Amino acid sequence: MKYIIVGKNMEVTPSLDSAIRDKLGKLDKYFADEAEVHVTLRVDKGRHKAEVTIPVKGTVIHCEQVSKDMYESIDLVEEIIERQLRKYRKKLIGRHQGASGFKREYLERNDPEDDEIRIVRRKQFDVKPMYPEDACVQMELLGHSFYVFRNAETDEINVVYRRKDGAYGMIEPE
């Protein structure tokens, strides 16, 4: 794999460069030799963010993690990408979608630990008309990270959610 490592608001030291190549080098078993790994390291207000993007024909594998230590963020990113790849492999094989960017051994391997997407619980509830601000309050009262509701203004189904920065976001249909 080819590494493109960039530091924003910080310098990428040789030890950080080495840590990235060592940790993300574990992903070599998945990708073809010509695969590019774009790594962006950023420090902002004491938060150390590692962002990894791997463009592969037909898709982009992306992960970003924030912690108090850059080395910890790099470790977290690698673990999550590896988990994503185990889940994604079945889709690659099933659809033959963009599989050319991956190593043949990875695609043909039969892993018993493949994480299947399983829906283990279904929930039904009345979707009551309410304003987005009321939906945010209801979400907080329930202790959830998102809340589905019928928007009283538009009569459409919307979702409000808590963003990483503590603010709220809303998803609505076009």
N, C-alpha and C. Protein backbone atom coordinates (compact mmCIF):
# COMPACT_ATOMS: atom_id res chain seq x y z
N MET A 1 0.84 -1.17 0.00
CA MET A 1 0.00 0.00 0.00
C MET A 1 0.88 1.24 0.00
N LYS A 2 0.33 2.28 -0.59
CA LYS A 2 1.05 3.56 -0.63
C LYS A 2 0.40 4.49 0.38
N TYR A 3 1.23 5.12 1.21
CA TYR A 3 0.73 5.99 2.26
C TYR A 3 0.90 7.45 1.89
N ILE A 4 -0.15 8.23 2.09
CA ILE A 4 -0.10 9.68 1.94
C ILE A 4 -0.50 10.23 3.30
N ILE A 5 0.48 10.74 4.04
CA ILE A 5 0.26 11.15 5.42
C ILE A 5 0.41 12.67 5.51
N VAL A 6 -0.63 13.31 6.06
CA VAL A 6 -0.66 14.77 6.17
C VAL A 6 -0.99 15.14 7.61
N GLY A 7 -0.32 16.19 8.11
CA GLY A 7 -0.62 16.70 9.44
C GLY A 7 -1.24 18.08 9.34
N LYS A 8 -2.35 18.30 10.03
CA LYS A 8 -3.00 19.61 10.07
C LYS A 8 -2.85 20.14 11.49
N ASN A 9 -2.31 21.34 11.61
CA ASN A 9 -2.04 21.97 12.91
C ASN A 9 -1.03 21.16 13.72
N MET A 10 -0.23 20.39 13.05
CA MET A 10 0.79 19.59 13.72
C MET A 10 1.80 19.07 12.70
N GLU A 11 2.94 18.66 13.21
CA GLU A 11 3.97 18.06 12.37
C GLU A 11 3.93 16.54 12.52
N VAL A 12 4.02 15.84 11.42
CA VAL A 12 4.04 14.38 11.47
C VAL A 12 5.48 13.96 11.75
N THR A 13 5.73 13.54 12.96
CA THR A 13 7.08 13.15 13.38
C THR A 13 7.42 11.78 12.81
N PRO A 14 8.70 11.45 12.76
CA PRO A 14 9.08 10.11 12.28
C PRO A 14 8.46 8.99 13.12
N SER A 15 8.29 9.21 14.41
CA SER A 15 7.68 8.16 15.24
C SER A 15 6.19 7.99 14.91
N LEU A 16 5.50 9.09 14.62
CA LEU A 16 4.09 8.99 14.20
C LEU A 16 3.98 8.31 12.84
N ASP A 17 4.86 8.68 11.93
CA ASP A 17 4.88 8.07 10.60
C ASP A 17 5.09 6.56 10.73
N SER A 18 6.04 6.18 11.58
CA SER A 18 6.32 4.76 11.79
C SER A 18 5.13 4.04 12.43
N ALA A 19 4.49 4.68 13.40
CA ALA A 19 3.33 4.07 14.05
C ALA A 19 2.19 3.85 13.05
N ILE A 20 1.98 4.83 12.18
CA ILE A 20 0.93 4.71 11.16
C ILE A 20 1.23 3.54 10.23
N ARG A 21 2.47 3.50 9.74
CA ARG A 21 2.82 2.43 8.80
C ARG A 21 2.78 1.05 9.47
N ASP A 22 3.17 0.97 10.74
CA ASP A 22 3.11 -0.31 11.45
C ASP A 22 1.67 -0.74 11.68
N LYS A 23 0.87 0.17 12.20
CA LYS A 23 -0.51 -0.17 12.55
C LYS A 23 -1.36 -0.43 11.30
N LEU A 24 -1.30 0.48 10.34
CA LEU A 24 -2.11 0.32 9.13
C LEU A 24 -1.51 -0.73 8.19
N GLY A 25 -0.27 -1.09 8.43
CA GLY A 25 0.36 -2.16 7.65
C GLY A 25 -0.36 -3.49 7.83
N LYS A 26 -1.09 -3.62 8.94
CA LYS A 26 -1.88 -4.84 9.16
C LYS A 26 -2.98 -4.98 8.11
N LEU A 27 -3.32 -3.88 7.47
CA LEU A 27 -4.37 -3.91 6.46
C LEU A 27 -3.85 -4.36 5.10
N ASP A 28 -2.53 -4.52 4.97
CA ASP A 28 -1.92 -4.97 3.70
C ASP A 28 -2.54 -6.27 3.21
N LYS A 29 -2.95 -7.13 4.13
CA LYS A 29 -3.49 -8.43 3.74
C LYS A 29 -4.82 -8.32 3.00
N TYR A 30 -5.45 -7.15 3.09
CA TYR A 30 -6.74 -6.95 2.44
C TYR A 30 -6.63 -6.30 1.06
N PHE A 31 -5.67 -5.40 0.89
CA PHE A 31 -5.64 -4.56 -0.30
C PHE A 31 -4.54 -4.95 -1.28
N ALA A 32 -4.79 -4.64 -2.54
CA ALA A 32 -3.77 -4.83 -3.58
C ALA A 32 -2.62 -3.86 -3.31
N ASP A 33 -1.46 -4.15 -3.88
CA ASP A 33 -0.26 -3.35 -3.62
C ASP A 33 -0.39 -1.90 -4.06
N GLU A 34 -1.21 -1.64 -5.07
CA GLU A 34 -1.33 -0.27 -5.58
C GLU A 34 -2.35 0.57 -4.80
N ALA A 35 -2.98 0.02 -3.77
CA ALA A 35 -3.97 0.76 -2.98
C ALA A 35 -3.30 1.94 -2.27
N GLU A 36 -4.01 3.06 -2.22
CA GLU A 36 -3.51 4.25 -1.54
C GLU A 36 -4.25 4.44 -0.23
N VAL A 37 -3.51 4.82 0.79
CA VAL A 37 -4.09 5.10 2.09
C VAL A 37 -3.82 6.56 2.40
N HIS A 38 -4.88 7.35 2.52
CA HIS A 38 -4.75 8.77 2.85
C HIS A 38 -4.98 8.93 4.35
N VAL A 39 -3.98 9.41 5.04
CA VAL A 39 -4.06 9.60 6.49
C VAL A 39 -3.91 11.08 6.80
N THR A 40 -4.87 11.61 7.54
CA THR A 40 -4.80 13.00 7.97
C THR A 40 -4.83 13.01 9.49
N LEU A 41 -3.81 13.60 10.07
CA LEU A 41 -3.72 13.75 11.52
C LEU A 41 -3.99 15.21 11.84
N ARG A 42 -4.82 15.44 12.87
CA ARG A 42 -5.20 16.81 13.19
C ARG A 42 -5.27 16.95 14.71
N VAL A 43 -4.73 18.05 15.21
CA VAL A 43 -4.86 18.37 16.63
C VAL A 43 -5.63 19.68 16.72
N ASP A 44 -6.71 19.64 17.51
CA ASP A 44 -7.54 20.82 17.65
C ASP A 44 -8.11 20.86 19.08
N LYS A 45 -7.74 21.87 19.83
CA LYS A 45 -8.23 22.04 21.20
C LYS A 45 -7.98 20.80 22.06
N GLY A 46 -6.80 20.23 21.95
CA GLY A 46 -6.44 19.07 22.76
C GLY A 46 -7.03 17.76 22.29
N ARG A 47 -7.77 17.79 21.19
CA ARG A 47 -8.35 16.57 20.63
C ARG A 47 -7.46 16.09 19.48
N HIS A 48 -7.06 14.85 19.52
CA HIS A 48 -6.19 14.26 18.50
C HIS A 48 -7.05 13.39 17.59
N LYS A 49 -7.13 13.81 16.33
CA LYS A 49 -8.00 13.13 15.37
C LYS A 49 -7.17 12.46 14.29
N ALA A 50 -7.43 11.18 14.08
CA ALA A 50 -6.81 10.43 12.99
C ALA A 50 -7.92 10.06 12.00
N GLU A 51 -7.70 10.43 10.75
CA GLU A 51 -8.69 10.18 9.70
C GLU A 51 -8.02 9.38 8.59
N VAL A 52 -8.62 8.25 8.23
CA VAL A 52 -8.05 7.37 7.20
C VAL A 52 -9.09 7.17 6.11
N THR A 53 -8.66 7.38 4.87
CA THR A 53 -9.53 7.17 3.70
C THR A 53 -8.78 6.28 2.72
N ILE A 54 -9.45 5.21 2.30
CA ILE A 54 -8.85 4.28 1.34
C ILE A 54 -9.80 4.17 0.15
N PRO A 55 -9.50 4.89 -0.95
CA PRO A 55 -10.36 4.76 -2.13
C PRO A 55 -10.10 3.44 -2.83
N VAL A 56 -11.17 2.69 -3.05
CA VAL A 56 -11.09 1.41 -3.75
C VAL A 56 -12.14 1.47 -4.84
N LYS A 57 -11.86 0.86 -5.97
CA LYS A 57 -12.77 0.93 -7.11
C LYS A 57 -14.20 0.65 -6.67
N GLY A 58 -15.07 1.64 -6.90
CA GLY A 58 -16.47 1.47 -6.58
C GLY A 58 -16.89 1.94 -5.21
N THR A 59 -15.94 2.21 -4.31
CA THR A 59 -16.31 2.63 -2.96
C THR A 59 -15.14 3.35 -2.28
N VAL A 60 -15.41 3.88 -1.12
CA VAL A 60 -14.38 4.51 -0.31
C VAL A 60 -14.52 3.97 1.11
N ILE A 61 -13.44 3.52 1.67
CA ILE A 61 -13.44 3.06 3.06
C ILE A 61 -12.89 4.21 3.88
N HIS A 62 -13.66 4.65 4.86
CA HIS A 62 -13.29 5.85 5.61
C HIS A 62 -13.57 5.64 7.09
N CYS A 63 -12.69 6.17 7.91
CA CYS A 63 -12.89 6.13 9.35
C CYS A 63 -12.14 7.29 9.97
N GLU A 64 -12.71 7.87 11.01
CA GLU A 64 -12.02 8.89 11.77
C GLU A 64 -12.30 8.66 13.24
N GLN A 65 -11.28 8.86 14.05
CA GLN A 65 -11.41 8.66 15.48
C GLN A 65 -10.73 9.80 16.21
N VAL A 66 -11.29 10.19 17.35
CA VAL A 66 -10.74 11.27 18.16
C VAL A 66 -10.49 10.73 19.55
N SER A 67 -9.34 11.11 20.10
CA SER A 67 -9.02 10.75 21.49
C SER A 67 -8.07 11.79 22.06
N LYS A 68 -7.60 11.54 23.25
CA LYS A 68 -6.67 12.47 23.90
C LYS A 68 -5.23 12.24 23.45
N ASP A 69 -4.99 11.11 22.75
CA ASP A 69 -3.64 10.75 22.32
C ASP A 69 -3.69 10.30 20.86
N MET A 70 -2.77 10.81 20.05
CA MET A 70 -2.77 10.50 18.62
C MET A 70 -2.52 9.01 18.37
N TYR A 71 -1.65 8.39 19.15
CA TYR A 71 -1.37 6.96 18.96
C TYR A 71 -2.62 6.12 19.24
N GLU A 72 -3.39 6.53 20.22
CA GLU A 72 -4.63 5.83 20.54
C GLU A 72 -5.64 6.00 19.40
N SER A 73 -5.71 7.19 18.83
CA SER A 73 -6.61 7.43 17.69
C SER A 73 -6.23 6.55 16.50
N ILE A 74 -4.94 6.41 16.26
CA ILE A 74 -4.47 5.56 15.15
C ILE A 74 -4.85 4.11 15.40
N ASP A 75 -4.69 3.64 16.64
CA ASP A 75 -5.08 2.27 16.99
C ASP A 75 -6.57 2.04 16.75
N LEU A 76 -7.39 2.99 17.19
CA LEU A 76 -8.84 2.87 17.05
C LEU A 76 -9.25 2.83 15.58
N VAL A 77 -8.64 3.68 14.76
CA VAL A 77 -8.96 3.73 13.34
C VAL A 77 -8.67 2.38 12.68
N GLU A 78 -7.53 1.81 12.98
CA GLU A 78 -7.16 0.52 12.37
C GLU A 78 -8.15 -0.57 12.76
N GLU A 79 -8.54 -0.63 14.03
CA GLU A 79 -9.48 -1.65 14.49
C GLU A 79 -10.83 -1.52 13.79
N ILE A 80 -11.30 -0.30 13.66
CA ILE A 80 -12.61 -0.08 13.05
C ILE A 80 -12.59 -0.39 11.56
N ILE A 81 -11.53 0.00 10.87
CA ILE A 81 -11.43 -0.32 9.43
C ILE A 81 -11.39 -1.82 9.23
N GLU A 82 -10.66 -2.52 10.06
CA GLU A 82 -10.58 -3.97 9.92
C GLU A 82 -11.96 -4.60 10.13
N ARG A 83 -12.70 -4.10 11.10
CA ARG A 83 -14.06 -4.59 11.35
C ARG A 83 -14.96 -4.28 10.15
N GLN A 84 -14.84 -3.07 9.59
CA GLN A 84 -15.64 -2.70 8.42
C GLN A 84 -15.35 -3.64 7.25
N LEU A 85 -14.07 -3.96 7.05
CA LEU A 85 -13.69 -4.81 5.93
C LEU A 85 -14.25 -6.22 6.08
N ARG A 86 -14.26 -6.75 7.30
CA ARG A 86 -14.83 -8.08 7.50
C ARG A 86 -16.31 -8.08 7.15
N LYS A 87 -17.02 -7.01 7.51
CA LYS A 87 -18.44 -6.92 7.19
C LYS A 87 -18.66 -6.71 5.69
N TYR A 88 -17.81 -5.93 5.10
CA TYR A 88 -17.96 -5.51 3.71
C TYR A 88 -17.61 -6.64 2.72
N ARG A 89 -16.78 -7.58 3.13
CA ARG A 89 -16.27 -8.60 2.22
C ARG A 89 -17.39 -9.40 1.57
N LYS A 90 -18.40 -9.76 2.34
CA LYS A 90 -19.51 -10.54 1.78
C LYS A 90 -20.23 -9.75 0.69
N LYS A 91 -20.38 -8.46 0.86
CA LYS A 91 -21.02 -7.64 -0.16
C LYS A 91 -20.16 -7.57 -1.41
N LEU A 92 -18.85 -7.49 -1.25
CA LEU A 92 -17.94 -7.45 -2.40
C LEU A 92 -18.06 -8.72 -3.22
N ILE A 93 -18.08 -9.83 -2.53
CA ILE A 93 -18.16 -11.11 -3.23
C ILE A 93 -19.53 -11.27 -3.88
N GLY A 94 -20.59 -10.92 -3.15
CA GLY A 94 -21.95 -11.08 -3.64
C GLY A 94 -22.23 -10.23 -4.86
N ARG A 95 -21.75 -9.02 -4.89
CA ARG A 95 -22.05 -8.11 -5.98
C ARG A 95 -20.91 -7.98 -6.98
N HIS A 96 -19.76 -8.54 -6.68
CA HIS A 96 -18.55 -8.37 -7.48
C HIS A 96 -18.30 -6.89 -7.71
N GLN A 97 -18.54 -6.12 -6.66
CA GLN A 97 -18.48 -4.66 -6.76
C GLN A 97 -17.12 -4.16 -6.29
N GLY A 98 -16.36 -3.62 -7.16
CA GLY A 98 -15.11 -2.99 -6.79
C GLY A 98 -14.08 -3.93 -6.20
N ALA A 99 -14.24 -5.21 -6.44
CA ALA A 99 -13.36 -6.19 -5.81
C ALA A 99 -11.94 -6.15 -6.36
N SER A 100 -11.70 -5.45 -7.44
CA SER A 100 -10.37 -5.45 -8.05
C SER A 100 -9.33 -4.75 -7.18
N GLY A 101 -9.73 -3.91 -6.25
CA GLY A 101 -8.78 -3.22 -5.38
C GLY A 101 -8.32 -4.06 -4.20
N PHE A 102 -8.91 -5.24 -4.06
CA PHE A 102 -8.59 -6.10 -2.93
C PHE A 102 -7.78 -7.31 -3.37
N LYS A 103 -7.05 -7.89 -2.43
CA LYS A 103 -6.29 -9.10 -2.72
C LYS A 103 -7.24 -10.28 -2.86
N ARG A 104 -6.92 -11.15 -3.80
CA ARG A 104 -7.75 -12.32 -4.07
C ARG A 104 -7.87 -13.23 -2.85
N GLU A 105 -6.77 -13.37 -2.08
CA GLU A 105 -6.78 -14.24 -0.89
C GLU A 105 -7.81 -13.74 0.12
N TYR A 106 -7.91 -12.43 0.26
CA TYR A 106 -8.87 -11.84 1.20
C TYR A 106 -10.30 -12.14 0.77
N LEU A 107 -10.58 -11.99 -0.52
CA LEU A 107 -11.93 -12.20 -1.02
C LEU A 107 -12.35 -13.67 -0.98
N GLU A 108 -11.40 -14.58 -1.16
CA GLU A 108 -11.72 -16.00 -1.22
C GLU A 108 -11.70 -16.68 0.15
N ARG A 109 -11.12 -15.99 1.15
CA ARG A 109 -11.00 -16.57 2.48
C ARG A 109 -12.39 -16.75 3.10
N ASN A 110 -12.57 -17.85 3.80
CA ASN A 110 -13.83 -18.12 4.48
C ASN A 110 -13.62 -17.95 5.98
N ASP A 111 -13.99 -16.80 6.51
CA ASP A 111 -13.79 -16.50 7.92
C ASP A 111 -15.05 -16.80 8.70
N PRO A 112 -14.93 -17.63 9.73
CA PRO A 112 -16.11 -17.88 10.56
C PRO A 112 -16.50 -16.66 11.39
N GLU A 113 -15.53 -15.76 11.64
CA GLU A 113 -15.83 -14.59 12.46
C GLU A 113 -16.38 -13.43 11.66
N ASP A 114 -16.74 -13.66 10.38
CA ASP A 114 -17.34 -12.57 9.60
C ASP A 114 -18.56 -12.04 10.35
N ASP A 115 -18.61 -10.75 10.49
CA ASP A 115 -19.73 -10.11 11.18
C ASP A 115 -20.87 -9.92 10.19
N GLU A 116 -21.92 -10.69 10.37
CA GLU A 116 -23.09 -10.52 9.52
C GLU A 116 -23.94 -9.40 10.10
N ILE A 117 -24.63 -8.72 9.25
CA ILE A 117 -25.56 -7.71 9.72
C ILE A 117 -26.85 -8.45 10.06
N ARG A 118 -27.19 -8.42 11.34
CA ARG A 118 -28.39 -9.10 11.80
C ARG A 118 -29.25 -8.11 12.55
N ILE A 119 -30.50 -8.09 12.23
CA ILE A 119 -31.44 -7.28 12.99
C ILE A 119 -31.99 -8.18 14.08
N VAL A 120 -31.70 -7.86 15.33
CA VAL A 120 -32.07 -8.73 16.44
C VAL A 120 -33.30 -8.23 17.18
N ARG A 121 -33.73 -7.01 16.89
CA ARG A 121 -34.90 -6.48 17.57
C ARG A 121 -35.63 -5.53 16.64
N ARG A 122 -36.93 -5.63 16.66
CA ARG A 122 -37.77 -4.70 15.90
C ARG A 122 -38.66 -3.97 16.89
N LYS A 123 -38.89 -2.71 16.60
CA LYS A 123 -39.68 -1.89 17.49
C LYS A 123 -40.72 -1.14 16.68
N GLN A 124 -41.94 -1.08 17.17
CA GLN A 124 -42.99 -0.32 16.52
C GLN A 124 -43.53 0.68 17.52
N PHE A 125 -43.82 1.87 17.03
CA PHE A 125 -44.35 2.90 17.92
C PHE A 125 -45.14 3.91 17.11
N ASP A 126 -46.00 4.63 17.79
CA ASP A 126 -46.76 5.69 17.14
C ASP A 126 -45.82 6.85 16.84
N VAL A 127 -45.92 7.36 15.61
CA VAL A 127 -45.10 8.51 15.23
C VAL A 127 -46.00 9.73 15.35
N LYS A 128 -45.79 10.48 16.43
CA LYS A 128 -46.66 11.61 16.73
C LYS A 128 -46.13 12.88 16.07
N PRO A 129 -47.04 13.72 15.58
CA PRO A 129 -46.59 15.00 15.03
C PRO A 129 -46.03 15.88 16.15
N MET A 130 -44.86 16.45 15.92
CA MET A 130 -44.25 17.38 16.87
C MET A 130 -43.24 18.25 16.15
N TYR A 131 -42.85 19.30 16.80
CA TYR A 131 -41.86 20.21 16.24
C TYR A 131 -40.47 19.65 16.51
N PRO A 132 -39.47 19.95 15.65
CA PRO A 132 -38.11 19.42 15.84
C PRO A 132 -37.53 19.70 17.23
N GLU A 133 -37.79 20.88 17.77
CA GLU A 133 -37.27 21.20 19.10
C GLU A 133 -37.86 20.27 20.16
N ASP A 134 -39.17 19.96 20.03
CA ASP A 134 -39.82 19.05 20.97
C ASP A 134 -39.25 17.64 20.82
N ALA A 135 -38.92 17.25 19.58
CA ALA A 135 -38.33 15.93 19.34
C ALA A 135 -36.96 15.83 20.01
N CYS A 136 -36.19 16.92 19.98
CA CYS A 136 -34.88 16.93 20.65
C CYS A 136 -35.04 16.75 22.16
N VAL A 137 -36.02 17.43 22.72
CA VAL A 137 -36.28 17.29 24.16
C VAL A 137 -36.69 15.86 24.48
N GLN A 138 -37.56 15.28 23.66
CA GLN A 138 -38.00 13.90 23.88
C GLN A 138 -36.83 12.93 23.78
N MET A 139 -35.95 13.15 22.81
CA MET A 139 -34.77 12.31 22.64
C MET A 139 -33.90 12.35 23.91
N GLU A 140 -33.70 13.55 24.44
CA GLU A 140 -32.89 13.71 25.66
C GLU A 140 -33.54 13.02 26.85
N LEU A 141 -34.87 13.15 26.96
CA LEU A 141 -35.58 12.52 28.07
C LEU A 141 -35.46 11.00 28.02
N LEU A 142 -35.44 10.45 26.81
CA LEU A 142 -35.30 9.00 26.64
C LEU A 142 -33.85 8.53 26.77
N GLY A 143 -32.90 9.46 26.64
CA GLY A 143 -31.49 9.09 26.70
C GLY A 143 -30.99 8.44 25.42
N HIS A 144 -31.65 8.72 24.31
CA HIS A 144 -31.24 8.15 23.03
C HIS A 144 -30.33 9.12 22.28
N SER A 145 -29.66 8.61 21.24
CA SER A 145 -28.81 9.46 20.42
C SER A 145 -29.54 9.94 19.17
N PHE A 146 -30.75 9.43 18.91
CA PHE A 146 -31.56 9.89 17.79
C PHE A 146 -33.03 9.69 18.15
N TYR A 147 -33.90 10.33 17.38
CA TYR A 147 -35.34 10.21 17.64
C TYR A 147 -36.09 10.40 16.32
N VAL A 148 -37.00 9.47 16.03
CA VAL A 148 -37.80 9.51 14.80
C VAL A 148 -39.15 10.13 15.15
N PHE A 149 -39.61 11.07 14.33
CA PHE A 149 -40.87 11.74 14.61
C PHE A 149 -41.50 12.24 13.31
N ARG A 150 -42.78 12.59 13.39
CA ARG A 150 -43.47 13.21 12.26
C ARG A 150 -43.42 14.71 12.50
N ASN A 151 -42.84 15.44 11.54
CA ASN A 151 -42.68 16.88 11.68
C ASN A 151 -44.05 17.55 11.56
N ALA A 152 -44.44 18.30 12.60
CA ALA A 152 -45.75 18.96 12.63
C ALA A 152 -45.86 20.04 11.55
N GLU A 153 -44.72 20.58 11.12
CA GLU A 153 -44.74 21.64 10.10
C GLU A 153 -44.89 21.10 8.69
N THR A 154 -44.23 19.95 8.41
CA THR A 154 -44.21 19.42 7.04
C THR A 154 -45.00 18.12 6.88
N ASP A 155 -45.38 17.49 7.98
CA ASP A 155 -46.06 16.19 8.01
C ASP A 155 -45.20 15.06 7.42
N GLU A 156 -43.88 15.26 7.36
CA GLU A 156 -42.93 14.25 6.87
C GLU A 156 -42.28 13.55 8.06
N ILE A 157 -41.78 12.33 7.83
CA ILE A 157 -41.03 11.62 8.85
C ILE A 157 -39.61 12.21 8.87
N ASN A 158 -39.13 12.61 10.04
CA ASN A 158 -37.80 13.19 10.23
C ASN A 158 -37.09 12.46 11.35
N VAL A 159 -35.79 12.67 11.42
CA VAL A 159 -34.97 12.13 12.50
C VAL A 159 -34.12 13.26 13.04
N VAL A 160 -34.11 13.42 14.37
CA VAL A 160 -33.16 14.34 14.99
C VAL A 160 -32.11 13.48 15.67
N TYR A 161 -30.89 14.00 15.74
CA TYR A 161 -29.80 13.24 16.35
C TYR A 161 -28.82 14.18 17.02
N ARG A 162 -28.07 13.63 17.97
CA ARG A 162 -27.04 14.40 18.65
C ARG A 162 -25.75 14.23 17.90
N ARG A 163 -25.12 15.37 17.57
CA ARG A 163 -23.86 15.37 16.84
C ARG A 163 -22.70 15.22 17.81
N LYS A 164 -21.53 14.87 17.28
CA LYS A 164 -20.34 14.71 18.11
C LYS A 164 -19.97 15.99 18.84
N ASP A 165 -20.29 17.14 18.25
CA ASP A 165 -19.94 18.42 18.87
C ASP A 165 -20.97 18.86 19.92
N GLY A 166 -21.98 18.00 20.19
CA GLY A 166 -22.97 18.31 21.21
C GLY A 166 -24.20 19.01 20.67
N ALA A 167 -24.15 19.49 19.45
CA ALA A 167 -25.30 20.15 18.84
C ALA A 167 -26.27 19.08 18.31
N TYR A 168 -27.35 19.53 17.70
CA TYR A 168 -28.34 18.61 17.15
C TYR A 168 -28.34 18.70 15.63
N GLY A 169 -28.71 17.60 15.00
CA GLY A 169 -28.86 17.57 13.56
C GLY A 169 -30.24 17.00 13.24
N MET A 170 -30.69 17.22 12.01
CA MET A 170 -31.99 16.71 11.60
C MET A 170 -31.88 16.14 10.20
N ILE A 171 -32.47 14.97 10.01
CA ILE A 171 -32.52 14.31 8.70
C ILE A 171 -33.96 14.40 8.22
N GLU A 172 -34.15 14.90 7.00
CA GLU A 172 -35.48 15.03 6.43
C GLU A 172 -35.43 14.62 4.97
N PRO A 173 -36.55 14.08 4.45
CA PRO A 173 -36.57 13.66 3.04
C PRO A 173 -36.55 14.86 2.10
N GLU A 174 -36.09 14.62 0.89
CA GLU A 174 -36.07 15.69 -0.13
C GLU A 174 -37.44 15.94 -0.69
